[in-house]
Amino acid sequence: MTQHIGIVGGSAEGAALCYRTICIEGAQQLGPHGHPEVSMHTHSLADYVACVEAGDWQGVGELMLASSEKLARSGADFLICPDNTIHQALPLIAARSPLPWLHIVDAVAAQAQARGYRRLGLLGTRWLVESEVYPSRLAPLGIECVRPPQEEREDINRLIMDELVCGDITPEAVPRLQSVIQRLAAEGCDAVVLGCTEVPLVINPGNSRLPTLDSTRLLARAALARATEAG
């Protein structure tokens, strides 16, 4: 028996990539077409964006909690959220959650440690990059988190929110992100965190100056490992 994975979705693109990774890579462990049971619940992304833009992190948390309750009723054993930004609200509601959560930063940190990285550049929305979501969990492990400067944060945020979350992949997206990664490399970063679940749609190990830590797929793999522990 495998455990039942509950996905608390944010954007369609990020949630879809996480789900597809679980299903495709699950077959590598469980045989052709095999994967653990998966349920997903998503509120309208507009509801999350309204709270985030207003700085209402408690409101974000309540949306996540409502999803967790619905997933618990569906039979899920644990939860994941393939949305880095809204992890900022997880500590506000974790104690009231009916199910345990796997934290996306813990999945990234485990891979960074395994590969010996010590200075990570962070790509993501400006709300994520300006938060302590990553530094608070990386610093105790001796891993430094490097944030892009303000102008780059705003440009990346526009790229994510106006284009990538809508599935709009333009030719300009890759060079825009590559230039940021190039500068992070010049600052001594030894890897870059794709800390937005849509960034892997345009940046990958083949076109990045730095090794990539794909938070979406790493979380999916952590969920697979958890789900198959008793399998």
C-alpha atoms as a PDB file:
ATOM      1  CA  MET A   1       0.000   0.000   0.000  1.00  0.00           C
ATOM      2  CA  THR A   2       1.202   3.477  -0.849  1.00  0.00           C
ATOM      3  CA  GLN A   3       0.138   6.643   0.908  1.00  0.00           C
ATOM      4  CA  HIS A   4      -2.361   9.050  -0.586  1.00  0.00           C
ATOM      5  CA  ILE A   5      -0.818  12.399  -1.594  1.00  0.00           C
ATOM      6  CA  GLY A   6      -2.860  15.572  -1.201  1.00  0.00           C
ATOM      7  CA  ILE A   7      -1.852  18.538  -3.368  1.00  0.00           C
ATOM      8  CA  VAL A   8      -2.864  22.047  -2.305  1.00  0.00           C
ATOM      9  CA  GLY A   9      -2.617  23.834  -5.631  1.00  0.00           C
ATOM     10  CA  GLY A  10      -1.923  27.467  -6.402  1.00  0.00           C
ATOM     11  CA  SER A  11      -1.299  28.228 -10.058  1.00  0.00           C
ATOM     12  CA  ALA A  12      -2.447  25.779 -12.707  1.00  0.00           C
ATOM     13  CA  GLU A  13       0.983  25.483 -14.322  1.00  0.00           C
ATOM     14  CA  GLY A  14       2.826  24.732 -11.082  1.00  0.00           C
ATOM     15  CA  ALA A  15       0.238  22.289  -9.778  1.00  0.00           C
ATOM     16  CA  ALA A  16       0.131  20.494 -13.125  1.00  0.00           C
ATOM     17  CA  LEU A  17       3.913  20.100 -13.279  1.00  0.00           C
ATOM     18  CA  CYS A  18       3.989  18.694  -9.754  1.00  0.00           C
ATOM     19  CA  TYR A  19       1.161  16.251 -10.498  1.00  0.00           C
ATOM     20  CA  ARG A  20       2.705  15.125 -13.773  1.00  0.00           C
ATOM     21  CA  THR A  21       6.062  14.528 -12.058  1.00  0.00           C
ATOM     22  CA  ILE A  22       4.436  12.330  -9.410  1.00  0.00           C
ATOM     23  CA  CYS A  23       2.618  10.281 -12.021  1.00  0.00           C
ATOM     24  CA  ILE A  24       5.475   9.922 -14.501  1.00  0.00           C
ATOM     25  CA  GLU A  25       8.247   9.257 -11.987  1.00  0.00           C
ATOM     26  CA  GLY A  26       5.948   7.111  -9.868  1.00  0.00           C
ATOM     27  CA  ALA A  27       5.927   4.580 -12.684  1.00  0.00           C
ATOM     28  CA  GLN A  28       9.698   4.244 -12.351  1.00  0.00           C
ATOM     29  CA  GLN A  29       9.160   2.901  -8.824  1.00  0.00           C
ATOM     30  CA  LEU A  30       5.805   1.176  -9.081  1.00  0.00           C
ATOM     31  CA  GLY A  31       5.863  -0.216 -12.596  1.00  0.00           C
ATOM     32  CA  PRO A  32       4.225   0.849 -15.856  1.00  0.00           C
ATOM     33  CA  HIS A  33       1.462   3.409 -15.322  1.00  0.00           C
ATOM     34  CA  GLY A  34       1.809   3.102 -11.543  1.00  0.00           C
ATOM     35  CA  HIS A  35       1.756   6.002  -9.098  1.00  0.00           C
ATOM     36  CA  PRO A  36       0.401   6.675  -5.609  1.00  0.00           C
ATOM     37  CA  GLU A  37      -3.156   7.876  -5.190  1.00  0.00           C
ATOM     38  CA  VAL A  38      -3.297  11.663  -5.623  1.00  0.00           C
ATOM     39  CA  SER A  39      -5.994  14.191  -4.828  1.00  0.00           C
ATOM     40  CA  MET A  40      -5.784  17.912  -5.543  1.00  0.00           C
ATOM     41  CA  HIS A  41      -7.747  20.917  -4.402  1.00  0.00           C
ATOM     42  CA  THR A  42      -7.267  24.432  -5.728  1.00  0.00           C
ATOM     43  CA  HIS A  43      -8.990  27.665  -4.903  1.00  0.00           C
ATOM     44  CA  SER A  44      -9.172  30.277  -7.609  1.00  0.00           C
ATOM     45  CA  LEU A  45      -5.696  31.741  -8.010  1.00  0.00           C
ATOM     46  CA  ALA A  46      -7.369  35.168  -7.935  1.00  0.00           C
ATOM     47  CA  ASP A  47      -8.349  34.537  -4.300  1.00  0.00           C
ATOM     48  CA  TYR A  48      -4.735  33.904  -3.367  1.00  0.00           C
ATOM     49  CA  VAL A  49      -3.429  36.856  -5.374  1.00  0.00           C
ATOM     50  CA  ALA A  50      -5.901  39.232  -3.723  1.00  0.00           C
ATOM     51  CA  CYS A  51      -4.671  38.185  -0.273  1.00  0.00           C
ATOM     52  CA  VAL A  52      -0.989  38.257  -1.216  1.00  0.00           C
ATOM     53  CA  GLU A  53      -1.199  41.713  -2.788  1.00  0.00           C
ATOM     54  CA  ALA A  54      -2.976  42.997   0.337  1.00  0.00           C
ATOM     55  CA  GLY A  55      -0.340  41.445   2.605  1.00  0.00           C
ATOM     56  CA  ASP A  56      -3.070  39.297   4.163  1.00  0.00           C
ATOM     57  CA  TRP A  57      -1.044  36.185   4.922  1.00  0.00           C
ATOM     58  CA  GLN A  58      -3.610  34.961   7.420  1.00  0.00           C
ATOM     59  CA  GLY A  59      -6.118  35.009   4.565  1.00  0.00           C
ATOM     60  CA  VAL A  60      -3.700  32.985   2.434  1.00  0.00           C
ATOM     61  CA  GLY A  61      -3.366  30.531   5.280  1.00  0.00           C
ATOM     62  CA  GLU A  62      -7.107  30.147   5.648  1.00  0.00           C
ATOM     63  CA  LEU A  63      -7.384  29.246   1.975  1.00  0.00           C
ATOM     64  CA  MET A  64      -4.659  26.626   2.407  1.00  0.00           C
ATOM     65  CA  LEU A  65      -6.377  25.301   5.524  1.00  0.00           C
ATOM     66  CA  ALA A  66      -9.704  24.978   3.713  1.00  0.00           C
ATOM     67  CA  SER A  67      -7.969  22.949   1.002  1.00  0.00           C
ATOM     68  CA  SER A  68      -6.276  20.764   3.611  1.00  0.00           C
ATOM     69  CA  GLU A  69      -9.610  19.965   5.233  1.00  0.00           C
ATOM     70  CA  LYS A  70     -11.166  18.965   1.922  1.00  0.00           C
ATOM     71  CA  LEU A  71      -8.175  16.797   1.078  1.00  0.00           C
ATOM     72  CA  ALA A  72      -8.309  15.130   4.477  1.00  0.00           C
ATOM     73  CA  ARG A  73     -11.932  14.232   3.822  1.00  0.00           C
ATOM     74  CA  SER A  74     -10.892  12.773   0.465  1.00  0.00           C
ATOM     75  CA  GLY A  75      -8.561  10.358   2.266  1.00  0.00           C
ATOM     76  CA  ALA A  76      -5.156  12.015   1.778  1.00  0.00           C
ATOM     77  CA  ASP A  77      -2.437  10.976   4.237  1.00  0.00           C
ATOM     78  CA  PHE A  78      -0.234  14.072   3.911  1.00  0.00           C
ATOM     79  CA  LEU A  79      -0.048  17.336   2.004  1.00  0.00           C
ATOM     80  CA  ILE A  80       2.226  19.212  -0.342  1.00  0.00           C
ATOM     81  CA  CYS A  81       1.884  22.648  -1.911  1.00  0.00           C
ATOM     82  CA  PRO A  82       3.681  23.273  -5.215  1.00  0.00           C
ATOM     83  CA  ASP A  83       3.601  27.034  -4.699  1.00  0.00           C
ATOM     84  CA  ASN A  84       6.620  28.592  -3.016  1.00  0.00           C
ATOM     85  CA  THR A  85       5.092  32.002  -2.338  1.00  0.00           C
ATOM     86  CA  ILE A  86       2.143  30.852  -0.266  1.00  0.00           C
ATOM     87  CA  HIS A  87       4.406  28.778   1.965  1.00  0.00           C
ATOM     88  CA  GLN A  88       4.858  32.082   3.781  1.00  0.00           C
ATOM     89  CA  ALA A  89       1.437  31.437   5.355  1.00  0.00           C
ATOM     90  CA  LEU A  90       1.993  27.793   6.280  1.00  0.00           C
ATOM     91  CA  PRO A  91       3.320  28.489   9.816  1.00  0.00           C
ATOM     92  CA  LEU A  92       0.132  30.438  10.533  1.00  0.00           C
ATOM     93  CA  ILE A  93      -2.127  27.428  10.044  1.00  0.00           C
ATOM     94  CA  ALA A  94       0.084  24.329  10.390  1.00  0.00           C
ATOM     95  CA  ALA A  95      -1.022  23.644  13.962  1.00  0.00           C
ATOM     96  CA  ARG A  96      -4.675  23.551  12.828  1.00  0.00           C
ATOM     97  CA  SER A  97      -4.074  21.422   9.757  1.00  0.00           C
ATOM     98  CA  PRO A  98      -5.747  18.015   9.845  1.00  0.00           C
ATOM     99  CA  LEU A  99      -2.766  16.488   8.009  1.00  0.00           C
ATOM    100  CA  PRO A 100       1.038  16.879   8.062  1.00  0.00           C
ATOM    101  CA  TRP A 101       2.783  18.864   5.329  1.00  0.00           C
ATOM    102  CA  LEU A 102       6.013  18.342   3.448  1.00  0.00           C
ATOM    103  CA  HIS A 103       7.711  21.738   3.169  1.00  0.00           C
ATOM    104  CA  ILE A 104       8.997  22.685  -0.277  1.00  0.00           C
ATOM    105  CA  VAL A 105      12.170  24.298   1.106  1.00  0.00           C
ATOM    106  CA  ASP A 106      13.079  21.118   2.975  1.00  0.00           C
ATOM    107  CA  ALA A 107      12.987  19.224  -0.332  1.00  0.00           C
ATOM    108  CA  VAL A 108      15.257  21.824  -1.938  1.00  0.00           C
ATOM    109  CA  ALA A 109      17.584  21.923   1.067  1.00  0.00           C
ATOM    110  CA  ALA A 110      18.014  18.144   1.083  1.00  0.00           C
ATOM    111  CA  GLN A 111      19.145  18.219  -2.545  1.00  0.00           C
ATOM    112  CA  ALA A 112      21.448  21.201  -1.943  1.00  0.00           C
ATOM    113  CA  GLN A 113      23.103  19.371   0.933  1.00  0.00           C
ATOM    114  CA  ALA A 114      23.441  16.165  -1.078  1.00  0.00           C
ATOM    115  CA  ARG A 115      25.188  18.084  -3.866  1.00  0.00           C
ATOM    116  CA  GLY A 116      27.346  20.166  -1.544  1.00  0.00           C
ATOM    117  CA  TYR A 117      25.930  23.592  -2.451  1.00  0.00           C
ATOM    118  CA  ARG A 118      26.490  26.374   0.064  1.00  0.00           C
ATOM    119  CA  ARG A 119      25.437  29.617  -1.682  1.00  0.00           C
ATOM    120  CA  LEU A 120      22.115  29.567  -3.512  1.00  0.00           C
ATOM    121  CA  GLY A 121      20.632  32.236  -5.732  1.00  0.00           C
ATOM    122  CA  LEU A 122      16.861  32.502  -5.396  1.00  0.00           C
ATOM    123  CA  LEU A 123      14.439  33.089  -8.269  1.00  0.00           C
ATOM    124  CA  GLY A 124      10.781  33.617  -7.497  1.00  0.00           C
ATOM    125  CA  THR A 125       8.045  36.168  -6.997  1.00  0.00           C
ATOM    126  CA  ARG A 126       9.040  39.311  -5.152  1.00  0.00           C
ATOM    127  CA  TRP A 127       6.860  38.204  -2.208  1.00  0.00           C
ATOM    128  CA  LEU A 128       8.864  35.017  -1.901  1.00  0.00           C
ATOM    129  CA  VAL A 129      12.274  36.575  -2.483  1.00  0.00           C
ATOM    130  CA  GLU A 130      11.641  39.286   0.111  1.00  0.00           C
ATOM    131  CA  SER A 131      10.393  36.776   2.690  1.00  0.00           C
ATOM    132  CA  GLU A 132      12.226  34.472   5.085  1.00  0.00           C
ATOM    133  CA  VAL A 133      10.671  31.300   3.624  1.00  0.00           C
ATOM    134  CA  TYR A 134      14.012  30.107   2.224  1.00  0.00           C
ATOM    135  CA  PRO A 135      16.605  31.810   4.477  1.00  0.00           C
ATOM    136  CA  SER A 136      14.891  30.655   7.677  1.00  0.00           C
ATOM    137  CA  ARG A 137      15.238  26.987   6.713  1.00  0.00           C
ATOM    138  CA  LEU A 138      18.540  27.174   4.834  1.00  0.00           C
ATOM    139  CA  ALA A 139      20.588  29.223   7.308  1.00  0.00           C
ATOM    140  CA  PRO A 140      20.495  26.582  10.098  1.00  0.00           C
ATOM    141  CA  LEU A 141      22.041  24.168   7.565  1.00  0.00           C
ATOM    142  CA  GLY A 142      24.887  26.548   6.771  1.00  0.00           C
ATOM    143  CA  ILE A 143      23.466  27.404   3.344  1.00  0.00           C
ATOM    144  CA  GLU A 144      23.353  31.044   2.267  1.00  0.00           C
ATOM    145  CA  CYS A 145      20.461  32.438   0.228  1.00  0.00           C
ATOM    146  CA  VAL A 146      21.244  35.261  -2.218  1.00  0.00           C
ATOM    147  CA  ARG A 147      18.392  37.495  -3.376  1.00  0.00           C
ATOM    148  CA  PRO A 148      18.416  39.386  -6.692  1.00  0.00           C
ATOM    149  CA  PRO A 149      18.392  43.186  -6.349  1.00  0.00           C
ATOM    150  CA  GLN A 150      15.108  45.111  -6.318  1.00  0.00           C
ATOM    151  CA  GLU A 151      14.939  45.926 -10.025  1.00  0.00           C
ATOM    152  CA  GLU A 152      15.454  42.287 -10.993  1.00  0.00           C
ATOM    153  CA  ARG A 153      12.906  41.135  -8.411  1.00  0.00           C
ATOM    154  CA  GLU A 154      10.260  43.368  -9.945  1.00  0.00           C
ATOM    155  CA  ASP A 155      11.067  42.197 -13.481  1.00  0.00           C
ATOM    156  CA  ILE A 156      10.979  38.522 -12.488  1.00  0.00           C
ATOM    157  CA  ASN A 157       7.722  39.095 -10.634  1.00  0.00           C
ATOM    158  CA  ARG A 158       6.110  40.625 -13.729  1.00  0.00           C
ATOM    159  CA  LEU A 159       7.378  37.747 -15.834  1.00  0.00           C
ATOM    160  CA  ILE A 160       5.898  35.190 -13.459  1.00  0.00           C
ATOM    161  CA  MET A 161       2.572  36.833 -12.698  1.00  0.00           C
ATOM    162  CA  ASP A 162       1.793  38.333 -16.108  1.00  0.00           C
ATOM    163  CA  GLU A 163       3.120  35.524 -18.282  1.00  0.00           C
ATOM    164  CA  LEU A 164       4.234  32.229 -16.781  1.00  0.00           C
ATOM    165  CA  VAL A 165       1.283  31.540 -14.475  1.00  0.00           C
ATOM    166  CA  CYS A 166      -0.933  32.069 -17.522  1.00  0.00           C
ATOM    167  CA  GLY A 167       1.070  29.577 -19.577  1.00  0.00           C
ATOM    168  CA  ASP A 168       2.364  32.403 -21.772  1.00  0.00           C
ATOM    169  CA  ILE A 169       5.943  31.428 -22.674  1.00  0.00           C
ATOM    170  CA  THR A 170       7.589  34.138 -24.781  1.00  0.00           C
ATOM    171  CA  PRO A 171      11.030  33.932 -26.436  1.00  0.00           C
ATOM    172  CA  GLU A 172      12.222  36.780 -24.205  1.00  0.00           C
ATOM    173  CA  ALA A 173      11.598  34.865 -20.967  1.00  0.00           C
ATOM    174  CA  VAL A 174      14.707  32.687 -21.166  1.00  0.00           C
ATOM    175  CA  PRO A 175      17.305  35.443 -21.723  1.00  0.00           C
ATOM    176  CA  ARG A 176      15.677  37.618 -19.044  1.00  0.00           C
ATOM    177  CA  LEU A 177      16.144  34.891 -16.446  1.00  0.00           C
ATOM    178  CA  GLN A 178      19.527  33.817 -17.814  1.00  0.00           C
ATOM    179  CA  SER A 179      20.908  37.311 -17.250  1.00  0.00           C
ATOM    180  CA  VAL A 180      19.869  37.170 -13.593  1.00  0.00           C
ATOM    181  CA  ILE A 181      21.432  33.722 -13.179  1.00  0.00           C
ATOM    182  CA  GLN A 182      24.641  34.935 -14.824  1.00  0.00           C
ATOM    183  CA  ARG A 183      24.915  37.760 -12.311  1.00  0.00           C
ATOM    184  CA  LEU A 184      24.203  35.399  -9.394  1.00  0.00           C
ATOM    185  CA  ALA A 185      27.029  33.189 -10.649  1.00  0.00           C
ATOM    186  CA  ALA A 186      29.326  36.210 -10.688  1.00  0.00           C
ATOM    187  CA  GLU A 187      28.373  36.821  -7.043  1.00  0.00           C
ATOM    188  CA  GLY A 188      29.652  33.375  -6.125  1.00  0.00           C
ATOM    189  CA  CYS A 189      26.452  31.358  -6.085  1.00  0.00           C
ATOM    190  CA  ASP A 190      27.064  27.679  -6.755  1.00  0.00           C
ATOM    191  CA  ALA A 191      23.457  26.864  -7.705  1.00  0.00           C
ATOM    192  CA  VAL A 192      20.149  28.590  -8.344  1.00  0.00           C
ATOM    193  CA  VAL A 193      16.799  27.730  -6.777  1.00  0.00           C
ATOM    194  CA  LEU A 194      13.911  27.742  -9.223  1.00  0.00           C
ATOM    195  CA  GLY A 195      11.730  28.993  -6.396  1.00  0.00           C
ATOM    196  CA  CYS A 196       8.657  29.546  -8.493  1.00  0.00           C
ATOM    197  CA  THR A 197       6.861  26.477  -9.759  1.00  0.00           C
ATOM    198  CA  GLU A 198       6.540  28.003 -13.236  1.00  0.00           C
ATOM    199  CA  VAL A 199      10.219  28.914 -13.723  1.00  0.00           C
ATOM    200  CA  PRO A 200      11.126  25.305 -14.715  1.00  0.00           C
ATOM    201  CA  LEU A 201       8.913  25.837 -17.754  1.00  0.00           C
ATOM    202  CA  VAL A 202      11.638  28.076 -19.191  1.00  0.00           C
ATOM    203  CA  ILE A 203      14.849  27.417 -17.209  1.00  0.00           C
ATOM    204  CA  ASN A 204      16.468  23.987 -16.973  1.00  0.00           C
ATOM    205  CA  PRO A 205      19.944  22.477 -16.495  1.00  0.00           C
ATOM    206  CA  GLY A 206      20.602  22.791 -20.219  1.00  0.00           C
ATOM    207  CA  ASN A 207      20.182  26.555 -20.445  1.00  0.00           C
ATOM    208  CA  SER A 208      21.237  27.740 -16.987  1.00  0.00           C
ATOM    209  CA  ARG A 209      24.718  29.066 -16.174  1.00  0.00           C
ATOM    210  CA  LEU A 210      24.332  27.538 -12.694  1.00  0.00           C
ATOM    211  CA  PRO A 211      23.112  24.103 -11.590  1.00  0.00           C
ATOM    212  CA  THR A 212      19.380  24.287 -10.921  1.00  0.00           C
ATOM    213  CA  LEU A 213      17.350  23.206  -7.916  1.00  0.00           C
ATOM    214  CA  ASP A 214      13.851  22.707  -9.318  1.00  0.00           C
ATOM    215  CA  SER A 215      11.574  23.172  -6.306  1.00  0.00           C
ATOM    216  CA  THR A 216       8.514  21.764  -8.084  1.00  0.00           C
ATOM    217  CA  ARG A 217      10.037  18.465  -9.099  1.00  0.00           C
ATOM    218  CA  LEU A 218      12.032  18.114  -5.878  1.00  0.00           C
ATOM    219  CA  LEU A 219       8.834  18.457  -3.853  1.00  0.00           C
ATOM    220  CA  ALA A 220       7.094  15.926  -6.078  1.00  0.00           C
ATOM    221  CA  ARG A 221       9.964  13.483  -5.561  1.00  0.00           C
ATOM    222  CA  ALA A 222       9.882  14.016  -1.801  1.00  0.00           C
ATOM    223  CA  ALA A 223       6.162  13.251  -1.872  1.00  0.00           C
ATOM    224  CA  LEU A 224       6.809  10.095  -3.895  1.00  0.00           C
ATOM    225  CA  ALA A 225       9.429   8.975  -1.384  1.00  0.00           C
ATOM    226  CA  ARG A 226       7.032   9.580   1.511  1.00  0.00           C
ATOM    227  CA  ALA A 227       4.132   7.887  -0.243  1.00  0.00           C
ATOM    228  CA  THR A 228       6.093   4.748  -1.089  1.00  0.00           C
ATOM    229  CA  GLU A 229       7.819   4.295   2.277  1.00  0.00           C
ATOM    230  CA  ALA A 230       5.232   1.716   3.297  1.00  0.00           C
ATOM    231  CA  GLY A 231       4.757   0.412  -0.229  1.00  0.00           C
END
